[in-house]
Each structure stands twice: as C-alpha cells, then as structure tokens.
C-alpha cells in the first residue's frame, strides 16, 4: 500500500465483466489498490490482464456490454461509482485526466490543438475566452509546446508523435486534476522522446502533487520511473510493492518470469527467457491459481484454491512464492 501523502485514488474490490442471461464473466476480478499525492503507480502485465479496462472503469468509460459487477472507486472523498452519469462526466477532465495510448486517434483531426484544449478548460472551468487563452498559453509552454501557443492554429497531423503526446498531456492537465492516468503514453515514441515525456510527467507530479497511474508493457520503464508496481495477471492483482523491489526480488513466480524475460542490456547471445503457454481467456479460467498451468512452482493446492493477496508487505498472492533472494 502507499506510504506517501494523502490518498487520491482508492479502489476496493473492483470487479468488471460481461453479464449476460443472468451469468457474469469477470474480466477484472476483485482488484484493490490506492495512489497517493505525488505518487506514480505502474500497472504491468501481459496484454489482456485488465490494465486498460481498469483505467476505463475509473473514468466510467467501459466498452459496450462491459460493466462494473462489484467494488467501489473513490476519488478523494467522492465515491465515483455512486455518481450518476452527468455528475461523473463533470469530473472527467476536471478532477481526473486521461492520456491515451495513441494521441493521433484521440485528438480531433478537424480542429486545432489550441481549440481542443481551450474547449476542455471552458467546459469545466467556465470563464472568458481570454482567460482560457491565458491558461492555454502557460500550459503549452509548460509541456514544451510554446511554439504552438501563438500564430496560426496547429492541427494534430502537423505534429510529431512526441508533440501530439505533449498536447494530450496538456489537455489532460488543463483543469489542474489531482489524478492522471497515462495508458501506455510512450508506446509509439523513440527512446529520446520517451525520456522527455516521462521527465515531464515526473516534474509535473513533483511540482503539483499529481497522483499518476502509469500503464505500460515496458518493465524497465516501470521499474525506473514508478514508485510502486502492481502486477496483473488474467484480471487479478497478484503482486504489489516498491518498484525498486521488482527487479531486486519479485516474490510471485509470474512477476519473476516477467523480470527474467527482459533482455539484458549487455547480453552475450543465447536464447531469451520466455514464459511458456498463454494467459487464460475470461471464459476458460482454471480452477485455483490462474497462473498454475504456466507456473514452475505449482502444486496440488495451487490447482485447487486461489490464493489471496497478502495484507502485509511484501504483498503477493501465492502459496509457494519465490525466495526473497534474487
């Protein structure tokens, strides 16, 4: 659990799934976590583990046919899961911002970036056009897009991938939210621009006390940039702890396998480590531990019962964890 300042986001027992003909099929199952002011929590795990779906649930933007089956989501003292849609819509963009994975598809191609960002500000904060432009100019300068603050309007297709992502960050932050969710914001960027975007996020959360949920497939980025890491597998949280401990000595066998699959920086050839098999689909979950069919530590009790996440540090959900030593 977080050991920093005031808790901004508190998720308890979140279960998301498909409900049809009286039957529920969980896609995210009994997930709990919290994020404090100035803290970055990274979600890691294979595709389909529930990372982006959890982010969508926080914003109330679940895909058609998918809904929250149980659990609660608190933003400060507000229970987001108890709000009607109009009240929740007012929170999006104002109290919590979202940076999408692909800014080219997230931004409106027919409108300039200044118009899009200013519209977000005026919808949620009101005020005059002049006040919106003043806020816009200061924010574009802050995110490294000062050249787009004046002159002819700049459209998304006229910007590079890194600049579009900066524009998305500006739009997410224009109303000074306390929570930012960044869904793989550096996937399509080269390593230099990746570093610039992550440096920007680090500075903003340090200066503003911004709470950040960072979704990524890049374990090295998560370990080097986040304060804590939450490992998800087949919709379940299976390990949570300090990012520094993730590469040092992850306890869950899946976390250890993820770490070992990262190619070494100074390799000497040879076969890369891999995790055998595939994650189970939502309609084919095994009995007991969901990772048991792929786990080298699995025993009979793992195949019969699903382990619960430990309440004390280190937090992991495993009957037969890896040793504390690397």
Protein backbone atom coordinates (compact mmCIF):
# COMPACT_ATOMS: atom_id res chain seq x y z
CA UNK A 1 0.00 0.00 0.00
CA UNK A 2 1.01 3.61 -0.44
CA UNK A 3 3.15 5.15 2.26
CA UNK A 4 3.16 8.68 0.86
CA UNK A 5 0.77 11.59 1.38
CA UNK A 6 -2.96 11.96 1.18
CA UNK A 7 -4.73 9.20 -0.77
CA UNK A 8 -6.15 10.50 -4.07
CA UNK A 9 -7.48 7.29 -5.66
CA UNK A 10 -8.77 4.34 -3.64
CA UNK A 11 -10.09 1.28 -5.49
CA UNK A 12 -11.63 -1.54 -3.47
CA UNK A 13 -12.74 -4.96 -4.71
CA UNK A 14 -13.27 -3.79 -8.28
CA UNK A 15 -14.82 -6.48 -10.46
CA UNK A 16 -15.55 -5.73 -14.11
CA UNK A 17 -17.11 -8.16 -16.53
CA UNK A 18 -19.67 -9.28 -19.01
CA UNK A 19 -23.15 -10.03 -17.74
CA UNK A 20 -25.48 -12.00 -20.00
CA UNK A 21 -28.54 -14.13 -19.33
CA UNK A 22 -28.03 -13.90 -15.60
CA UNK A 23 -24.39 -15.08 -15.78
CA UNK A 24 -21.36 -12.92 -15.02
CA UNK A 25 -17.97 -13.42 -16.64
CA UNK A 26 -15.31 -11.35 -14.83
CA UNK A 27 -12.62 -9.62 -16.87
CA UNK A 28 -11.11 -7.85 -13.84
CA UNK A 29 -11.65 -9.64 -10.55
CA UNK A 30 -11.56 -8.21 -7.01
CA UNK A 31 -8.85 -5.63 -7.70
CA UNK A 32 -7.79 -3.22 -4.92
CA UNK A 33 -5.14 -0.50 -4.89
CA UNK A 34 -4.57 3.12 -3.94
CA UNK A 35 -2.49 6.04 -5.20
CA UNK A 36 -1.32 8.99 -3.11
CA UNK A 37 -0.42 12.58 -3.93
CA UNK A 38 2.79 12.86 -5.90
CA UNK A 39 2.98 9.10 -6.40
CA UNK A 40 3.20 7.01 -9.57
CA UNK A 41 1.74 3.51 -9.55
CA UNK A 42 2.59 1.41 -12.62
CA UNK A 43 0.34 -1.37 -13.94
CA UNK A 44 2.31 -4.14 -15.65
CA UNK A 45 1.31 -7.46 -17.15
CA UNK A 46 0.68 -9.17 -20.46
CA UNK A 47 -1.97 -7.95 -22.90
CA UNK A 48 -5.44 -8.84 -21.69
CA UNK A 49 -4.56 -8.68 -18.00
CA UNK A 50 -7.07 -5.86 -17.35
CA UNK A 51 -4.83 -2.80 -17.17
CA UNK A 52 -6.64 -0.54 -19.65
CA UNK A 53 -10.05 -1.90 -18.63
CA UNK A 54 -9.37 -0.80 -15.04
CA UNK A 55 -8.47 2.69 -16.27
CA UNK A 56 -11.69 2.82 -18.29
CA UNK A 57 -13.70 1.80 -15.23
CA UNK A 58 -12.22 4.63 -13.16
CA UNK A 59 -13.42 7.11 -15.77
CA UNK A 60 -16.76 5.39 -16.28
CA UNK A 61 -15.88 4.70 -19.92
CA UNK A 62 -16.28 0.93 -20.10
CA UNK A 63 -16.95 -0.57 -23.55
CA UNK A 64 -20.48 -1.52 -24.56
CA UNK A 65 -21.55 -4.74 -22.88
CA UNK A 66 -18.95 -4.48 -20.11
CA UNK A 67 -19.92 -3.16 -16.69
CA UNK A 68 -18.81 -2.96 -13.09
CA UNK A 69 -20.10 -6.01 -11.23
CA UNK A 70 -18.79 -5.15 -7.75
CA UNK A 71 -16.45 -2.89 -5.82
CA UNK A 72 -16.02 0.85 -5.35
CA UNK A 73 -13.81 3.64 -6.70
CA UNK A 74 -13.10 6.68 -4.52
CA UNK A 75 -11.51 9.92 -5.72
CA UNK A 76 -10.64 11.74 -2.50
CA UNK A 77 -13.91 11.66 -0.55
CA UNK A 78 -16.15 11.15 -3.59
CA UNK A 79 -17.43 7.69 -4.47
CA UNK A 80 -17.22 7.78 -8.26
CA UNK A 81 -19.12 4.52 -8.62
CA UNK A 82 -22.13 6.08 -6.86
CA UNK A 83 -22.35 9.13 -9.14
CA UNK A 84 -24.95 9.44 -11.91
CA UNK A 85 -23.54 9.87 -15.40
CA UNK A 86 -23.93 13.71 -15.57
CA UNK A 87 -22.02 14.14 -12.29
CA UNK A 88 -19.32 11.70 -13.39
CA UNK A 89 -18.99 13.47 -16.72
CA UNK A 90 -18.31 16.71 -14.86
CA UNK A 91 -15.42 15.03 -13.03
CA UNK A 92 -13.72 13.79 -16.20
CA UNK A 93 -11.21 16.33 -17.40
CA UNK A 94 -11.67 18.49 -14.31
CA UNK A 95 -10.61 16.28 -11.38
CA UNK A 96 -9.00 13.46 -13.34
CA UNK A 97 -7.17 13.45 -16.65
CA UNK A 98 -6.53 10.65 -19.12
CA UNK A 99 -3.65 10.36 -21.59
CA UNK A 100 -4.49 7.84 -24.31
CA UNK A 101 -2.04 5.47 -25.93
CA UNK A 102 -2.44 6.89 -29.45
CA UNK A 103 -2.89 10.68 -29.49
CA UNK A 104 -3.41 10.75 -33.26
CA UNK A 105 -6.71 8.89 -32.88
CA UNK A 106 -7.62 10.53 -29.55
CA UNK A 107 -7.32 14.10 -30.85
CA UNK A 108 -9.91 15.56 -33.22
CA UNK A 109 -8.18 15.84 -36.63
CA UNK A 110 -10.51 18.60 -37.83
CA UNK A 111 -9.73 21.03 -35.00
CA UNK A 112 -6.53 22.70 -33.90
CA UNK A 113 -4.94 21.63 -30.63
CA UNK A 114 -5.40 25.08 -29.06
CA UNK A 115 -9.13 24.98 -29.75
CA UNK A 116 -9.44 21.47 -28.30
CA UNK A 117 -7.53 22.25 -25.12
CA UNK A 118 -9.28 25.59 -24.60
CA UNK A 119 -12.67 23.93 -25.03
CA UNK A 120 -11.88 21.46 -22.24
CA UNK A 121 -10.95 24.35 -19.95
CA UNK A 122 -14.07 26.40 -20.69
CA UNK A 123 -16.44 23.43 -20.34
CA UNK A 124 -15.14 22.56 -16.88
CA UNK A 125 -13.87 25.89 -15.54
CA UNK A 126 -16.02 28.40 -17.35
CA UNK A 127 -14.64 31.90 -17.67
CA UNK A 128 -13.94 34.05 -20.68
CA UNK A 129 -12.19 33.15 -23.90
CA UNK A 130 -9.32 35.42 -22.85
CA UNK A 131 -8.88 33.53 -19.55
CA UNK A 132 -8.85 30.22 -21.43
CA UNK A 133 -6.22 31.51 -23.84
CA UNK A 134 -4.05 32.74 -20.98
CA UNK A 135 -4.24 29.34 -19.29
CA UNK A 136 -3.62 27.60 -22.59
CA UNK A 137 -0.51 29.64 -23.39
CA UNK A 138 1.03 28.96 -19.98
CA UNK A 139 0.30 25.23 -20.16
CA UNK A 140 1.63 24.72 -23.69
CA UNK A 141 4.84 26.39 -22.59
CA UNK A 142 4.96 24.12 -19.55
CA UNK A 143 4.70 20.94 -21.63
CA UNK A 144 7.25 22.09 -24.21
CA UNK A 145 4.90 23.31 -26.97
CA UNK A 146 5.50 27.05 -26.64
CA UNK A 147 5.81 27.37 -30.43
CA UNK A 148 2.17 26.23 -30.80
CA UNK A 149 0.81 28.78 -28.31
CA UNK A 150 0.59 31.65 -30.82
CA UNK A 151 0.24 32.19 -34.53
CA UNK A 152 -1.79 30.03 -36.91
CA UNK A 153 -3.66 27.11 -35.37
CA UNK A 154 -1.72 23.82 -35.28
CA UNK A 155 -3.53 20.62 -36.22
CA UNK A 156 -2.67 17.13 -34.90
CA UNK A 157 -1.33 15.86 -38.24
CA UNK A 158 1.19 18.71 -38.27
CA UNK A 159 2.85 17.49 -35.08
CA UNK A 160 5.26 14.65 -34.46
CA UNK A 161 4.25 11.75 -32.21
CA UNK A 162 6.04 13.23 -29.22
CA UNK A 163 4.45 16.65 -29.74
CA UNK A 164 0.98 15.12 -30.08
CA UNK A 165 1.54 13.27 -26.82
CA UNK A 166 2.56 16.55 -25.17
CA UNK A 167 -0.66 18.09 -26.48
CA UNK A 168 -2.62 15.18 -24.97
CA UNK A 169 -0.88 15.75 -21.63
CA UNK A 170 -1.74 19.46 -21.83
CA UNK A 171 -5.39 18.63 -22.48
CA UNK A 172 -5.42 16.18 -19.55
CA UNK A 173 -3.87 18.77 -17.20
CA UNK A 174 -5.56 21.99 -18.33
CA UNK A 175 -8.04 21.93 -15.42
CA UNK A 176 -5.41 21.00 -12.79
CA UNK A 177 -6.70 17.50 -11.96
CA UNK A 178 -5.39 15.64 -8.94
CA UNK A 179 -5.28 12.29 -10.77
CA UNK A 180 -3.71 11.46 -14.13
CA UNK A 181 -3.98 8.08 -15.84
CA UNK A 182 -1.43 7.54 -18.61
CA UNK A 183 -2.31 4.49 -20.72
CA UNK A 184 0.94 3.45 -22.42
CA UNK A 185 1.75 7.05 -23.37
CA UNK A 186 5.21 6.23 -24.77
CA UNK A 187 4.49 3.10 -26.85
CA UNK A 188 4.91 4.68 -30.30
CA UNK A 189 7.78 7.02 -29.36
CA UNK A 190 11.52 6.64 -29.76
CA UNK A 191 13.62 6.34 -26.61
CA UNK A 192 14.71 10.01 -26.58
CA UNK A 193 11.13 11.30 -26.78
CA UNK A 194 10.05 8.63 -24.27
CA UNK A 195 12.52 10.04 -21.77
CA UNK A 196 11.32 13.59 -22.42
CA UNK A 197 7.66 12.65 -21.85
CA UNK A 198 8.45 10.73 -18.67
CA UNK A 199 10.66 13.54 -17.37
CA UNK A 200 7.73 15.90 -17.97
CA UNK A 201 5.34 13.64 -16.02
CA UNK A 202 7.87 13.33 -13.19
CA UNK A 203 8.26 17.10 -12.93
CA UNK A 204 4.51 17.71 -13.02
CA UNK A 205 3.73 15.21 -10.29
CA UNK A 206 6.56 16.57 -8.17
CA UNK A 207 5.51 20.20 -8.59
CA UNK A 208 1.73 19.67 -8.46
CA UNK A 209 1.47 16.67 -6.16
CA UNK A 210 -0.18 14.82 -9.05
CA UNK A 211 -1.17 11.18 -8.50
CA UNK A 212 -0.34 9.11 -11.60
CA UNK A 213 -1.41 5.66 -12.75
CA UNK A 214 1.05 4.60 -15.46
CA UNK A 215 0.07 1.65 -17.68
CA UNK A 216 2.95 0.07 -19.57
CA UNK A 217 4.38 -3.11 -21.08
CA UNK A 218 7.91 -1.80 -20.57
CA UNK A 219 9.12 -3.25 -17.27
CA UNK A 220 12.32 -1.25 -17.33
CA UNK A 221 10.36 2.00 -17.58
CA UNK A 222 8.09 0.93 -14.75
CA UNK A 223 10.97 -0.06 -12.51
CA UNK A 224 12.93 3.14 -13.15
CA UNK A 225 10.09 5.68 -13.14
CA UNK A 226 7.32 4.43 -10.84
CA UNK A 227 7.22 4.48 -7.06
CA UNK A 228 5.21 1.25 -6.86
CA UNK A 229 4.27 -1.53 -9.26
CA UNK A 230 1.06 -3.54 -9.43
CA UNK A 231 1.37 -6.77 -11.44
CA UNK A 232 -1.85 -8.01 -13.04
CA UNK A 233 -2.49 -11.46 -14.47
CA UNK A 234 -5.75 -12.62 -16.08
CA UNK A 235 -7.66 -9.80 -14.40
CA UNK A 236 -6.24 -10.31 -10.91
CA UNK A 237 -3.70 -8.28 -8.95
CA UNK A 238 -1.00 -10.78 -7.98
CA UNK A 239 1.84 -8.64 -6.60
CA UNK A 240 2.23 -5.07 -5.43
CA UNK A 241 5.21 -3.32 -3.94
CA UNK A 242 8.00 -0.80 -4.32
CA UNK A 243 9.34 -0.53 -7.85
CA UNK A 244 12.89 -0.92 -6.56
CA UNK A 245 11.98 -4.37 -5.23
CA UNK A 246 10.54 -5.56 -8.54
CA UNK A 247 13.89 -6.12 -10.27
CA UNK A 248 15.62 -6.94 -7.00
CA UNK A 249 13.47 -9.89 -5.86
CA UNK A 250 9.87 -10.26 -7.07
CA UNK A 251 8.08 -12.90 -5.00
CA UNK A 252 5.32 -14.13 -7.30
CA UNK A 253 6.54 -16.65 -9.93
CA UNK A 254 4.79 -14.68 -12.68
CA UNK A 255 6.49 -11.45 -11.61
CA UNK A 256 9.83 -13.28 -11.51
CA UNK A 257 9.20 -14.67 -15.01
CA UNK A 258 8.33 -11.20 -16.35
CA UNK A 259 11.52 -9.79 -14.91
CA UNK A 260 13.66 -12.61 -16.28
CA UNK A 261 12.12 -12.14 -19.75
CA UNK A 262 13.57 -8.62 -20.03
CA UNK A 263 16.56 -8.79 -22.41
CA UNK A 264 19.84 -7.88 -20.66
CA UNK A 265 21.40 -4.57 -21.62
CA UNK A 266 24.78 -6.18 -22.21
CA UNK A 267 23.80 -9.65 -23.42
CA UNK A 268 26.14 -12.31 -24.74
CA UNK A 269 23.77 -14.05 -27.13
CA UNK A 270 21.80 -17.16 -26.35
CA UNK A 271 18.08 -17.78 -26.10
CA UNK A 272 15.93 -15.19 -24.37
CA UNK A 273 13.87 -16.28 -21.39
CA UNK A 274 10.18 -16.82 -22.05
CA UNK A 275 7.02 -17.69 -20.17
CA UNK A 276 5.57 -20.95 -21.56
CA UNK A 277 1.93 -21.07 -22.58
CA UNK A 278 -0.61 -18.27 -22.84
CA UNK A 279 -2.77 -16.38 -20.33
CA UNK A 280 -6.25 -17.89 -19.97
CA UNK A 281 -9.22 -16.23 -21.61
CA UNK A 282 -12.08 -14.92 -19.45
CA UNK A 283 -14.22 -17.93 -20.36
CA UNK A 284 -11.53 -20.51 -19.66
CA UNK A 285 -10.12 -19.63 -16.25
CA UNK A 286 -8.56 -22.63 -14.50
CA UNK A 287 -9.59 -23.75 -11.03
CA UNK A 288 -7.36 -22.45 -8.27
CA UNK A 289 -4.49 -20.11 -9.12
CA UNK A 290 -4.85 -18.65 -12.61
CA UNK A 291 -1.11 -18.87 -13.23
CA UNK A 292 -0.81 -22.51 -12.09
CA UNK A 293 -0.84 -24.05 -15.62
CA UNK A 294 2.26 -21.99 -16.51
CA UNK A 295 3.95 -21.91 -13.11
CA UNK A 296 7.10 -23.93 -12.27
CA UNK A 297 6.22 -23.75 -8.54
CA UNK A 298 2.65 -25.05 -8.88
CA UNK A 299 1.50 -27.86 -6.60
CA UNK A 300 -1.83 -29.52 -5.87
CA UNK A 301 -3.04 -26.77 -3.52
CA UNK A 302 -2.40 -24.19 -6.26
CA UNK A 303 -4.67 -26.08 -8.67
CA UNK A 304 -7.48 -26.37 -6.12
CA UNK A 305 -7.56 -22.97 -4.36
CA UNK A 306 -6.99 -19.41 -5.49
CA UNK A 307 -4.50 -17.58 -3.23
CA UNK A 308 -5.49 -14.22 -1.78
CA UNK A 309 -3.26 -11.15 -1.81
CA UNK A 310 -1.33 -10.78 1.43
CA UNK A 311 -2.35 -7.78 3.50
CA UNK A 312 1.17 -7.05 4.78
CA UNK A 313 4.40 -6.24 2.95
CA UNK A 314 5.57 -7.81 0.74
CA UNK A 315 2.15 -8.16 -0.89
CA UNK A 316 1.66 -11.08 -3.28
CA UNK A 317 -0.92 -13.78 -3.98
CA UNK A 318 0.93 -17.09 -3.99
CA UNK A 319 1.08 -20.26 -1.88
CA UNK A 320 4.65 -21.06 -2.96
CA UNK A 321 6.43 -17.76 -3.68
CA UNK A 322 9.94 -17.32 -4.99
CA UNK A 323 12.64 -16.85 -2.35
CA UNK A 324 13.45 -13.33 -1.18
CA UNK A 325 16.96 -13.58 -2.59
CA UNK A 326 17.26 -12.81 -6.32
